[in-house]
Amino acid sequence: MPSAEEPRAVDAYGGVADRDQLERGLRHLSMDHRVVLALRHLLGMTPDEVAATLGISRWTAYKRLHAATKAMRAALEADARTVNPTAARQEAAR
């Protein structure tokens, strides 16, 4: 059994798989949704900073972030079902 102090190998395959999954999910989003997600999560902007950057109201920024997150979640879940249809059927049977 490995010791807690031993360095662990980085899971390069897992990182590539995650990036590929995110890229597939982003393809299903509108440009407005992609932009707000990138500014918020990749650049770490607050919703108020996103609004100021895009020249939109705070309310619009929050609404787009909410809709983009919901759409991204749906796209990732749909992608997971198509990638692993057996698991999806088993989940649906529960």
Protein backbone atom coordinates (compact mmCIF):
# COMPACT_ATOMS: atom_id res chain seq x y z
CA MET A 1 0.00 0.00 0.00
CA PRO A 2 1.49 3.37 -0.97
CA SER A 3 2.42 5.81 1.73
CA ALA A 4 0.62 9.14 1.99
CA GLU A 5 3.98 10.90 1.54
CA GLU A 6 4.74 9.20 -1.78
CA PRO A 7 4.17 11.40 -4.81
CA ARG A 8 1.29 10.35 -6.97
CA ALA A 9 1.38 10.31 -10.74
CA VAL A 10 -0.78 12.92 -12.42
CA ASP A 11 -3.68 11.40 -14.30
CA ALA A 12 -2.94 12.97 -17.68
CA TYR A 13 -5.60 10.86 -19.39
CA GLY A 14 -8.25 12.06 -16.95
CA GLY A 15 -7.33 15.68 -17.61
CA VAL A 16 -7.59 15.19 -21.35
CA ALA A 17 -10.93 13.42 -20.96
CA ASP A 18 -12.28 16.26 -18.79
CA ARG A 19 -11.19 18.91 -21.31
CA ASP A 20 -12.72 16.91 -24.15
CA GLN A 21 -16.00 16.59 -22.26
CA LEU A 22 -16.08 20.33 -21.54
CA GLU A 23 -15.34 21.14 -25.17
CA ARG A 24 -18.21 18.93 -26.32
CA GLY A 25 -20.52 20.59 -23.79
CA LEU A 26 -19.50 24.09 -24.86
CA ARG A 27 -20.34 23.31 -28.49
CA HIS A 28 -24.01 23.10 -27.49
CA LEU A 29 -24.06 26.59 -25.96
CA SER A 30 -24.69 29.94 -27.60
CA MET A 31 -21.79 32.38 -27.87
CA ASP A 32 -23.34 34.55 -25.14
CA HIS A 33 -23.41 31.60 -22.79
CA ARG A 34 -19.86 30.53 -23.65
CA VAL A 35 -18.57 34.04 -23.00
CA VAL A 36 -20.17 34.44 -19.57
CA LEU A 37 -18.96 31.01 -18.46
CA ALA A 38 -15.42 31.73 -19.65
CA LEU A 39 -15.29 35.10 -17.93
CA ARG A 40 -16.76 33.73 -14.71
CA HIS A 41 -14.99 30.38 -14.41
CA LEU A 42 -11.83 30.63 -16.49
CA LEU A 43 -10.92 34.23 -15.65
CA GLY A 44 -12.48 34.19 -12.19
CA MET A 45 -14.54 37.34 -12.64
CA THR A 46 -17.44 38.11 -10.35
CA PRO A 47 -20.88 38.40 -11.98
CA ASP A 48 -20.65 42.18 -11.56
CA GLU A 49 -17.29 42.20 -13.37
CA VAL A 50 -18.78 40.04 -16.12
CA ALA A 51 -21.59 42.57 -16.52
CA ALA A 52 -19.18 45.51 -16.66
CA THR A 53 -16.90 43.75 -19.15
CA LEU A 54 -19.75 42.89 -21.48
CA GLY A 55 -21.59 46.18 -21.02
CA ILE A 56 -24.75 44.47 -19.82
CA SER A 57 -26.83 44.93 -16.69
CA ARG A 58 -26.05 43.00 -13.54
CA TRP A 59 -29.42 41.26 -13.82
CA THR A 60 -28.66 40.17 -17.41
CA ALA A 61 -25.26 38.81 -16.35
CA TYR A 62 -26.82 36.75 -13.56
CA LYS A 63 -29.57 35.52 -15.86
CA ARG A 64 -27.06 34.48 -18.55
CA LEU A 65 -24.83 32.75 -16.01
CA HIS A 66 -27.78 30.82 -14.64
CA ALA A 67 -29.01 29.83 -18.10
CA ALA A 68 -25.49 28.95 -19.30
CA THR A 69 -24.84 26.76 -16.26
CA LYS A 70 -28.16 24.98 -16.71
CA ALA A 71 -27.52 24.45 -20.44
CA MET A 72 -23.97 23.23 -19.82
CA ARG A 73 -25.17 20.77 -17.18
CA ALA A 74 -27.83 19.44 -19.57
CA ALA A 75 -25.30 19.13 -22.40
CA LEU A 76 -22.82 17.25 -20.20
CA GLU A 77 -25.52 14.91 -18.92
CA ALA A 78 -26.73 14.22 -22.47
CA ASP A 79 -23.16 13.61 -23.59
CA ALA A 80 -22.61 11.18 -20.72
CA ARG A 81 -25.70 9.23 -21.75
CA THR A 82 -24.52 8.93 -25.37
CA VAL A 83 -20.98 7.98 -24.33
CA ASN A 84 -22.18 5.27 -21.95
CA PRO A 85 -25.68 4.14 -23.03
CA THR A 86 -25.57 1.01 -20.84
CA ALA A 87 -25.08 3.06 -17.67
CA ALA A 88 -27.86 5.42 -18.79
CA ARG A 89 -30.27 2.51 -19.25
CA GLN A 90 -29.36 1.13 -15.84
CA GLU A 91 -29.90 4.57 -14.25
CA ALA A 92 -33.27 4.94 -15.98
CA ALA A 93 -34.35 1.50 -14.72
CA ARG A 94 -33.90 2.59 -11.08
